[in-house]
PDB file of N, CA and C in Angstrom:
ATOM      1  N   MET A   1       0.838  -1.178   0.000  1.00  0.00           N
ATOM      2  CA  MET A   1       0.000   0.000   0.000  1.00  0.00           C
ATOM      3  C   MET A   1       0.885   1.244   0.000  1.00  0.00           C
ATOM      4  N   PRO A   2       0.709   2.125  -0.980  1.00  0.00           N
ATOM      5  CA  PRO A   2       1.545   3.317  -1.048  1.00  0.00           C
ATOM      6  C   PRO A   2       1.242   4.268   0.112  1.00  0.00           C
ATOM      7  N   ARG A   3       2.288   4.961   0.516  1.00  0.00           N
ATOM      8  CA  ARG A   3       2.122   5.943   1.592  1.00  0.00           C
ATOM      9  C   ARG A   3       1.415   7.175   1.052  1.00  0.00           C
ATOM     10  N   ARG A   4       0.545   7.733   1.863  1.00  0.00           N
ATOM     11  CA  ARG A   4      -0.085   8.998   1.496  1.00  0.00           C
ATOM     12  C   ARG A   4       0.673  10.124   2.175  1.00  0.00           C
ATOM     13  N   ARG A   5       1.058  11.083   1.396  1.00  0.00           N
ATOM     14  CA  ARG A   5       1.809  12.221   1.926  1.00  0.00           C
ATOM     15  C   ARG A   5       0.976  13.478   1.802  1.00  0.00           C
ATOM     16  N   ILE A   6       1.119  14.323   2.768  1.00  0.00           N
ATOM     17  CA  ILE A   6       0.438  15.612   2.739  1.00  0.00           C
ATOM     18  C   ILE A   6       1.393  16.625   2.116  1.00  0.00           C
ATOM     19  N   GLY A   7       0.862  17.485   1.277  1.00  0.00           N
ATOM     20  CA  GLY A   7       1.677  18.534   0.674  1.00  0.00           C
ATOM     21  C   GLY A   7       2.168  18.177  -0.709  1.00  0.00           C
ATOM     22  N   ARG A   8       3.171  18.880  -1.118  1.00  0.00           N
ATOM     23  CA  ARG A   8       3.743  18.736  -2.449  1.00  0.00           C
ATOM     24  C   ARG A   8       4.470  17.401  -2.595  1.00  0.00           C
ATOM     25  N   PRO A   9       4.327  16.734  -3.732  1.00  0.00           N
ATOM     26  CA  PRO A   9       5.061  15.476  -3.914  1.00  0.00           C
ATOM     27  C   PRO A   9       6.564  15.749  -3.968  1.00  0.00           C
ATOM     28  N   PRO A  10       7.374  14.801  -3.516  1.00  0.00           N
ATOM     29  CA  PRO A  10       8.827  15.023  -3.527  1.00  0.00           C
ATOM     30  C   PRO A  10       9.351  15.106  -4.960  1.00  0.00           C
ATOM     31  N   LYS A  11      10.416  15.861  -5.129  1.00  0.00           N
ATOM     32  CA  LYS A  11      11.024  16.000  -6.457  1.00  0.00           C
ATOM     33  C   LYS A  11      11.674  14.695  -6.903  1.00  0.00           C
ATOM     34  N   LEU A  12      12.151  13.905  -5.949  1.00  0.00           N
ATOM     35  CA  LEU A  12      12.766  12.610  -6.225  1.00  0.00           C
ATOM     36  C   LEU A  12      11.819  11.531  -5.702  1.00  0.00           C
ATOM     37  N   THR A  13      11.326  10.684  -6.580  1.00  0.00           N
ATOM     38  CA  THR A  13      10.365   9.660  -6.161  1.00  0.00           C
ATOM     39  C   THR A  13      11.060   8.574  -5.341  1.00  0.00           C
ATOM     40  N   ASP A  14      10.254   7.768  -4.641  1.00  0.00           N
ATOM     41  CA  ASP A  14      10.809   6.653  -3.873  1.00  0.00           C
ATOM     42  C   ASP A  14      11.540   5.677  -4.793  1.00  0.00           C
ATOM     43  N   ALA A  15      10.985   5.435  -5.968  1.00  0.00           N
ATOM     44  CA  ALA A  15      11.628   4.527  -6.923  1.00  0.00           C
ATOM     45  C   ALA A  15      12.992   5.073  -7.357  1.00  0.00           C
ATOM     46  N   GLU A  16      13.078   6.367  -7.597  1.00  0.00           N
ATOM     47  CA  GLU A  16      14.350   6.969  -7.988  1.00  0.00           C
ATOM     48  C   GLU A  16      15.348   6.918  -6.829  1.00  0.00           C
ATOM     49  N   LEU A  17      14.853   7.145  -5.614  1.00  0.00           N
ATOM     50  CA  LEU A  17      15.711   7.070  -4.436  1.00  0.00           C
ATOM     51  C   LEU A  17      16.285   5.659  -4.285  1.00  0.00           C
ATOM     52  N   LEU A  18      15.429   4.642  -4.431  1.00  0.00           N
ATOM     53  CA  LEU A  18      15.905   3.259  -4.351  1.00  0.00           C
ATOM     54  C   LEU A  18      16.911   2.960  -5.449  1.00  0.00           C
ATOM     55  N   CYS A  19      16.659   3.459  -6.635  1.00  0.00           N
ATOM     56  CA  CYS A  19      17.583   3.264  -7.751  1.00  0.00           C
ATOM     57  C   CYS A  19      18.948   3.867  -7.419  1.00  0.00           C
ATOM     58  N   LEU A  20      18.961   5.071  -6.873  1.00  0.00           N
ATOM     59  CA  LEU A  20      20.222   5.712  -6.488  1.00  0.00           C
ATOM     60  C   LEU A  20      20.924   4.935  -5.386  1.00  0.00           C
ATOM     61  N   ALA A  21      20.164   4.460  -4.400  1.00  0.00           N
ATOM     62  CA  ALA A  21      20.761   3.724  -3.286  1.00  0.00           C
ATOM     63  C   ALA A  21      21.379   2.414  -3.761  1.00  0.00           C
ATOM     64  N   VAL A  22      20.688   1.701  -4.636  1.00  0.00           N
ATOM     65  CA  VAL A  22      21.215   0.441  -5.171  1.00  0.00           C
ATOM     66  C   VAL A  22      22.460   0.719  -6.017  1.00  0.00           C
ATOM     67  N   ALA A  23      22.406   1.744  -6.848  1.00  0.00           N
ATOM     68  CA  ALA A  23      23.561   2.092  -7.683  1.00  0.00           C
ATOM     69  C   ALA A  23      24.760   2.478  -6.819  1.00  0.00           C
ATOM     70  N   GLN A  24      24.515   3.177  -5.727  1.00  0.00           N
ATOM     71  CA  GLN A  24      25.603   3.566  -4.823  1.00  0.00           C
ATOM     72  C   GLN A  24      26.323   2.328  -4.299  1.00  0.00           C
ATOM     73  N   VAL A  25      25.550   1.323  -3.901  1.00  0.00           N
ATOM     74  CA  VAL A  25      26.155   0.095  -3.377  1.00  0.00           C
ATOM     75  C   VAL A  25      26.852  -0.687  -4.487  1.00  0.00           C
ATOM     76  N   LEU A  26      26.170  -0.871  -5.609  1.00  0.00           N
ATOM     77  CA  LEU A  26      26.744  -1.663  -6.698  1.00  0.00           C
ATOM     78  C   LEU A  26      28.004  -1.037  -7.289  1.00  0.00           C
ATOM     79  N   LEU A  27      28.067   0.281  -7.281  1.00  0.00           N
ATOM     80  CA  LEU A  27      29.246   0.957  -7.823  1.00  0.00           C
ATOM     81  C   LEU A  27      30.326   1.181  -6.773  1.00  0.00           C
ATOM     82  N   GLY A  28      30.066   0.750  -5.530  1.00  0.00           N
ATOM     83  CA  GLY A  28      31.093   0.765  -4.490  1.00  0.00           C
ATOM     84  C   GLY A  28      31.409   2.111  -3.886  1.00  0.00           C
ATOM     85  N   PHE A  29      30.393   2.938  -3.666  1.00  0.00           N
ATOM     86  CA  PHE A  29      30.596   4.241  -3.040  1.00  0.00           C
ATOM     87  C   PHE A  29      30.138   4.177  -1.582  1.00  0.00           C
ATOM     88  N   PRO A  30      31.052   3.959  -0.625  1.00  0.00           N
ATOM     89  CA  PRO A  30      30.620   3.910   0.777  1.00  0.00           C
ATOM     90  C   PRO A  30      30.256   5.300   1.325  1.00  0.00           C
ATOM     91  N   SER A  31      30.777   6.342   0.725  1.00  0.00           N
ATOM     92  CA  SER A  31      30.532   7.705   1.188  1.00  0.00           C
ATOM     93  C   SER A  31      29.412   8.358   0.378  1.00  0.00           C
ATOM     94  N   ALA A  32      28.372   8.825   1.072  1.00  0.00           N
ATOM     95  CA  ALA A  32      27.269   9.517   0.392  1.00  0.00           C
ATOM     96  C   ALA A  32      27.773  10.806  -0.264  1.00  0.00           C
ATOM     97  N   ARG A  33      28.737  11.446   0.363  1.00  0.00           N
ATOM     98  CA  ARG A  33      29.273  12.692  -0.190  1.00  0.00           C
ATOM     99  C   ARG A  33      29.905  12.451  -1.555  1.00  0.00           C
ATOM    100  N   HIS A  34      30.741  11.404  -1.641  1.00  0.00           N
ATOM    101  CA  HIS A  34      31.373  11.095  -2.927  1.00  0.00           C
ATOM    102  C   HIS A  34      30.344  10.588  -3.936  1.00  0.00           C
ATOM    103  N   TRP A  35      29.378   9.809  -3.451  1.00  0.00           N
ATOM    104  CA  TRP A  35      28.356   9.267  -4.347  1.00  0.00           C
ATOM    105  C   TRP A  35      27.522  10.386  -4.976  1.00  0.00           C
ATOM    106  N   ILE A  36      27.056  11.320  -4.173  1.00  0.00           N
ATOM    107  CA  ILE A  36      26.213  12.400  -4.696  1.00  0.00           C
ATOM    108  C   ILE A  36      27.002  13.262  -5.672  1.00  0.00           C
ATOM    109  N   ARG A  37      28.271  13.514  -5.364  1.00  0.00           N
ATOM    110  CA  ARG A  37      29.105  14.281  -6.298  1.00  0.00           C
ATOM    111  C   ARG A  37      29.227  13.542  -7.629  1.00  0.00           C
ATOM    112  N   PHE A  38      29.478  12.221  -7.570  1.00  0.00           N
ATOM    113  CA  PHE A  38      29.567  11.401  -8.779  1.00  0.00           C
ATOM    114  C   PHE A  38      28.234  11.399  -9.530  1.00  0.00           C
ATOM    115  N   ALA A  39      27.132  11.224  -8.790  1.00  0.00           N
ATOM    116  CA  ALA A  39      25.806  11.165  -9.416  1.00  0.00           C
ATOM    117  C   ALA A  39      25.483  12.469 -10.142  1.00  0.00           C
ATOM    118  N   HIS A  40      25.802  13.590  -9.526  1.00  0.00           N
ATOM    119  CA  HIS A  40      25.547  14.878 -10.180  1.00  0.00           C
ATOM    120  C   HIS A  40      26.382  15.015 -11.455  1.00  0.00           C
ATOM    121  N   ALA A  41      27.626  14.556 -11.401  1.00  0.00           N
ATOM    122  CA  ALA A  41      28.521  14.702 -12.555  1.00  0.00           C
ATOM    123  C   ALA A  41      28.201  13.719 -13.675  1.00  0.00           C
ATOM    124  N   ARG A  42      27.860  12.475 -13.316  1.00  0.00           N
ATOM    125  CA  ARG A  42      27.732  11.438 -14.327  1.00  0.00           C
ATOM    126  C   ARG A  42      26.315  10.931 -14.579  1.00  0.00           C
ATOM    127  N   LEU A  43      25.416  11.109 -13.619  1.00  0.00           N
ATOM    128  CA  LEU A  43      24.075  10.529 -13.748  1.00  0.00           C
ATOM    129  C   LEU A  43      22.958  11.570 -13.765  1.00  0.00           C
ATOM    130  N   GLY A  44      23.310  12.815 -13.675  1.00  0.00           N
ATOM    131  CA  GLY A  44      22.307  13.872 -13.597  1.00  0.00           C
ATOM    132  C   GLY A  44      21.313  13.867 -14.734  1.00  0.00           C
ATOM    133  N   HIS A  45      21.742  13.468 -15.905  1.00  0.00           N
ATOM    134  CA  HIS A  45      20.847  13.457 -17.072  1.00  0.00           C
ATOM    135  C   HIS A  45      19.798  12.354 -16.984  1.00  0.00           C
ATOM    136  N   LEU A  46      19.966  11.399 -16.064  1.00  0.00           N
ATOM    137  CA  LEU A  46      19.029  10.285 -15.940  1.00  0.00           C
ATOM    138  C   LEU A  46      17.878  10.571 -14.974  1.00  0.00           C
ATOM    139  N   PHE A  47      17.992  11.636 -14.195  1.00  0.00           N
ATOM    140  CA  PHE A  47      17.001  11.958 -13.169  1.00  0.00           C
ATOM    141  C   PHE A  47      16.511  13.389 -13.353  1.00  0.00           C
ATOM    142  N   ARG A  48      15.220  13.586 -13.080  1.00  0.00           N
ATOM    143  CA  ARG A  48      14.672  14.944 -13.159  1.00  0.00           C
ATOM    144  C   ARG A  48      15.292  15.837 -12.091  1.00  0.00           C
ATOM    145  N   TYR A  49      15.635  15.226 -10.945  1.00  0.00           N
ATOM    146  CA  TYR A  49      16.164  15.979  -9.814  1.00  0.00           C
ATOM    147  C   TYR A  49      17.109  15.089  -9.029  1.00  0.00           C
ATOM    148  N   LEU A  50      18.243  15.611  -8.637  1.00  0.00           N
ATOM    149  CA  LEU A  50      19.164  14.922  -7.735  1.00  0.00           C
ATOM    150  C   LEU A  50      19.365  15.819  -6.515  1.00  0.00           C
ATOM    151  N   PRO A  51      19.102  15.283  -5.333  1.00  0.00           N
ATOM    152  CA  PRO A  51      19.239  16.105  -4.126  1.00  0.00           C
ATOM    153  C   PRO A  51      20.704  16.317  -3.756  1.00  0.00           C
ATOM    154  N   GLN A  52      20.920  17.266  -2.879  1.00  0.00           N
ATOM    155  CA  GLN A  52      22.247  17.438  -2.299  1.00  0.00           C
ATOM    156  C   GLN A  52      22.433  16.363  -1.228  1.00  0.00           C
ATOM    157  N   GLN A  53      23.630  16.267  -0.677  1.00  0.00           N
ATOM    158  CA  GLN A  53      23.960  15.182   0.242  1.00  0.00           C
ATOM    159  C   GLN A  53      23.041  15.128   1.459  1.00  0.00           C
ATOM    160  N   SER A  54      22.778  16.254   2.102  1.00  0.00           N
ATOM    161  CA  SER A  54      21.964  16.228   3.319  1.00  0.00           C
ATOM    162  C   SER A  54      20.533  15.767   3.034  1.00  0.00           C
ATOM    163  N   ALA A  55      19.961  16.225   1.929  1.00  0.00           N
ATOM    164  CA  ALA A  55      18.604  15.810   1.575  1.00  0.00           C
ATOM    165  C   ALA A  55      18.575  14.335   1.183  1.00  0.00           C
ATOM    166  N   TYR A  56      19.619  13.866   0.503  1.00  0.00           N
ATOM    167  CA  TYR A  56      19.716  12.453   0.125  1.00  0.00           C
ATOM    168  C   TYR A  56      19.771  11.585   1.380  1.00  0.00           C
ATOM    169  N   ASN A  57      20.639  11.959   2.332  1.00  0.00           N
ATOM    170  CA  ASN A  57      20.764  11.192   3.573  1.00  0.00           C
ATOM    171  C   ASN A  57      19.453  11.175   4.351  1.00  0.00           C
ATOM    172  N   LYS A  58      18.784  12.304   4.412  1.00  0.00           N
ATOM    173  CA  LYS A  58      17.516  12.390   5.144  1.00  0.00           C
ATOM    174  C   LYS A  58      16.463  11.488   4.507  1.00  0.00           C
ATOM    175  N   ARG A  59      16.341  11.550   3.177  1.00  0.00           N
ATOM    176  CA  ARG A  59      15.372  10.698   2.473  1.00  0.00           C
ATOM    177  C   ARG A  59      15.725   9.229   2.604  1.00  0.00           C
ATOM    178  N   LEU A  60      17.013   8.897   2.504  1.00  0.00           N
ATOM    179  CA  LEU A  60      17.445   7.512   2.597  1.00  0.00           C
ATOM    180  C   LEU A  60      17.175   6.941   3.986  1.00  0.00           C
ATOM    181  N   ASN A  61      17.448   7.709   5.013  1.00  0.00           N
ATOM    182  CA  ASN A  61      17.165   7.260   6.383  1.00  0.00           C
ATOM    183  C   ASN A  61      15.673   7.073   6.601  1.00  0.00           C
ATOM    184  N   ALA A  62      14.860   7.967   6.077  1.00  0.00           N
ATOM    185  CA  ALA A  62      13.411   7.854   6.229  1.00  0.00           C
ATOM    186  C   ALA A  62      12.852   6.684   5.420  1.00  0.00           C
ATOM    187  N   ALA A  63      13.577   6.255   4.396  1.00  0.00           N
ATOM    188  CA  ALA A  63      13.101   5.177   3.533  1.00  0.00           C
ATOM    189  C   ALA A  63      13.509   3.797   4.035  1.00  0.00           C
ATOM    190  N   GLY A  64      14.021   3.701   5.242  1.00  0.00           N
ATOM    191  CA  GLY A  64      14.440   2.415   5.794  1.00  0.00           C
ATOM    192  C   GLY A  64      13.383   1.327   5.696  1.00  0.00           C
ATOM    193  N   PRO A  65      12.141   1.583   6.152  1.00  0.00           N
ATOM    194  CA  PRO A  65      11.100   0.555   6.035  1.00  0.00           C
ATOM    195  C   PRO A  65      10.806   0.161   4.586  1.00  0.00           C
ATOM    196  N   LEU A  66      10.826   1.127   3.684  1.00  0.00           N
ATOM    197  CA  LEU A  66      10.602   0.832   2.263  1.00  0.00           C
ATOM    198  C   LEU A  66      11.711  -0.059   1.722  1.00  0.00           C
ATOM    199  N   ILE A  67      12.938   0.248   2.063  1.00  0.00           N
ATOM    200  CA  ILE A  67      14.075  -0.553   1.602  1.00  0.00           C
ATOM    201  C   ILE A  67      13.973  -1.972   2.153  1.00  0.00           C
ATOM    202  N   SER A  68      13.566  -2.109   3.409  1.00  0.00           N
ATOM    203  CA  SER A  68      13.396  -3.443   4.001  1.00  0.00           C
ATOM    204  C   SER A  68      12.335  -4.247   3.260  1.00  0.00           C
ATOM    205  N   ARG A  69      11.239  -3.593   2.901  1.00  0.00           N
ATOM    206  CA  ARG A  69      10.178  -4.293   2.167  1.00  0.00           C
ATOM    207  C   ARG A  69      10.664  -4.733   0.786  1.00  0.00           C
ATOM    208  N   VAL A  70      11.440  -3.897   0.130  1.00  0.00           N
ATOM    209  CA  VAL A  70      11.963  -4.248  -1.196  1.00  0.00           C
ATOM    210  C   VAL A  70      12.940  -5.420  -1.087  1.00  0.00           C
ATOM    211  N   ILE A  71      13.817  -5.391  -0.085  1.00  0.00           N
ATOM    212  CA  ILE A  71      14.767  -6.493   0.109  1.00  0.00           C
ATOM    213  C   ILE A  71      14.012  -7.790   0.361  1.00  0.00           C
ATOM    214  N   GLU A  72      12.994  -7.744   1.217  1.00  0.00           N
ATOM    215  CA  GLU A  72      12.216  -8.951   1.496  1.00  0.00           C
ATOM    216  C   GLU A  72      11.489  -9.448   0.248  1.00  0.00           C
ATOM    217  N   ALA A  73      10.910  -8.539  -0.514  1.00  0.00           N
ATOM    218  CA  ALA A  73      10.203  -8.933  -1.739  1.00  0.00           C
ATOM    219  C   ALA A  73      11.164  -9.596  -2.724  1.00  0.00           C
ATOM    220  N   LEU A  74      12.378  -9.075  -2.838  1.00  0.00           N
ATOM    221  CA  LEU A  74      13.371  -9.682  -3.725  1.00  0.00           C
ATOM    222  C   LEU A  74      13.824 -11.043  -3.183  1.00  0.00           C
ATOM    223  N   ALA A  75      14.010 -11.135  -1.872  1.00  0.00           N
ATOM    224  CA  ALA A  75      14.446 -12.400  -1.274  1.00  0.00           C
ATOM    225  C   ALA A  75      13.407 -13.491  -1.471  1.00  0.00           C
ATOM    226  N   ARG A  76      12.141 -13.119  -1.432  1.00  0.00           N
ATOM    227  CA  ARG A  76      11.072 -14.106  -1.620  1.00  0.00           C
ATOM    228  C   ARG A  76      11.062 -14.683  -3.041  1.00  0.00           C
ATOM    229  N   GLN A  77      11.705 -14.010  -3.977  1.00  0.00           N
ATOM    230  CA  GLN A  77      11.766 -14.489  -5.354  1.00  0.00           C
ATOM    231  C   GLN A  77      12.836 -15.571  -5.551  1.00  0.00           C
ATOM    232  N   VAL A  78      13.711 -15.728  -4.573  1.00  0.00           N
ATOM    233  CA  VAL A  78      14.778 -16.713  -4.659  1.00  0.00           C
ATOM    234  C   VAL A  78      14.190 -18.097  -4.380  1.00  0.00           C
ATOM    235  N   PRO A  79      14.502 -19.080  -5.212  1.00  0.00           N
ATOM    236  CA  PRO A  79      13.917 -20.413  -5.034  1.00  0.00           C
ATOM    237  C   PRO A  79      14.143 -21.030  -3.657  1.00  0.00           C
ATOM    238  N   THR A  80      15.217 -20.661  -2.976  1.00  0.00           N
ATOM    239  CA  THR A  80      15.519 -21.259  -1.674  1.00  0.00           C
ATOM    240  C   THR A  80      14.881 -20.516  -0.508  1.00  0.00           C
ATOM    241  N   TRP A  81      14.007 -19.569  -0.771  1.00  0.00           N
ATOM    242  CA  TRP A  81      13.382 -18.771   0.285  1.00  0.00           C
ATOM    243  C   TRP A  81      12.700 -19.653   1.328  1.00  0.00           C
ATOM    244  N   ASN A  82      12.033 -20.719   0.916  1.00  0.00           N
ATOM    245  CA  ASN A  82      11.277 -21.554   1.838  1.00  0.00           C
ATOM    246  C   ASN A  82      12.093 -22.674   2.468  1.00  0.00           C
ATOM    247  N   ASP A  83      13.382 -22.750   2.176  1.00  0.00           N
ATOM    248  CA  ASP A  83      14.226 -23.784   2.775  1.00  0.00           C
ATOM    249  C   ASP A  83      14.370 -23.562   4.279  1.00  0.00           C
ATOM    250  N   ASP A  84      14.569 -24.665   5.012  1.00  0.00           N
ATOM    251  CA  ASP A  84      14.735 -24.576   6.462  1.00  0.00           C
ATOM    252  C   ASP A  84      16.141 -24.111   6.855  1.00  0.00           C
ATOM    253  N   LEU A  85      17.110 -24.310   5.979  1.00  0.00           N
ATOM    254  CA  LEU A  85      18.484 -23.965   6.270  1.00  0.00           C
ATOM    255  C   LEU A  85      18.850 -22.671   5.566  1.00  0.00           C
ATOM    256  N   ARG A  86      19.438 -21.735   6.288  1.00  0.00           N
ATOM    257  CA  ARG A  86      19.883 -20.465   5.698  1.00  0.00           C
ATOM    258  C   ARG A  86      21.375 -20.324   5.897  1.00  0.00           C
ATOM    259  N   LEU A  87      22.066 -20.000   4.839  1.00  0.00           N
ATOM    260  CA  LEU A  87      23.491 -19.714   4.913  1.00  0.00           C
ATOM    261  C   LEU A  87      23.668 -18.223   4.789  1.00  0.00           C
ATOM    262  N   ILE A  88      24.383 -17.653   5.733  1.00  0.00           N
ATOM    263  CA  ILE A  88      24.555 -16.196   5.757  1.00  0.00           C
ATOM    264  C   ILE A  88      26.044 -15.892   5.755  1.00  0.00           C
ATOM    265  N   ASP A  89      26.438 -14.970   4.896  1.00  0.00           N
ATOM    266  CA  ASP A  89      27.815 -14.533   4.819  1.00  0.00           C
ATOM    267  C   ASP A  89      27.839 -13.047   5.097  1.00  0.00           C
ATOM    268  N   SER A  90      28.549 -12.645   6.127  1.00  0.00           N
ATOM    269  CA  SER A  90      28.608 -11.235   6.492  1.00  0.00           C
ATOM    270  C   SER A  90      29.493 -10.430   5.559  1.00  0.00           C
ATOM    271  N   GLY A  91      30.272 -11.104   4.735  1.00  0.00           N
ATOM    272  CA  GLY A  91      31.133 -10.393   3.805  1.00  0.00           C
ATOM    273  C   GLY A  91      32.462  -9.969   4.413  1.00  0.00           C
ATOM    274  N   ARG A  92      32.653 -10.226   5.689  1.00  0.00           N
ATOM    275  CA  ARG A  92      33.923  -9.837   6.346  1.00  0.00           C
ATOM    276  C   ARG A  92      34.919 -10.969   6.256  1.00  0.00           C
ATOM    277  N   THR A  93      36.155 -10.579   6.075  1.00  0.00           N
ATOM    278  CA  THR A  93      37.222 -11.600   6.021  1.00  0.00           C
ATOM    279  C   THR A  93      38.224 -11.377   7.101  1.00  0.00           C
TER     280      THR A  93
END
């Protein structure tokens, strides 16, 4: 169920925010500051609006529940979702 917001719709949609967040991870930018600078320089033509770092961080933090729902929805698509055994790798060596 989509969230109902009061007031003006955001310039950056939730879908665009998720797209930016996924791209940030896939392209290996741990710093939001460096990511937003890169996005403005290289990806600006792909989005109607790109926020500055503080607005990006604020929207990303507020979108935590949305991101969790998307991760769960994607995980449910994996054939092993219903298996009793789960293997988890933290990625640390």
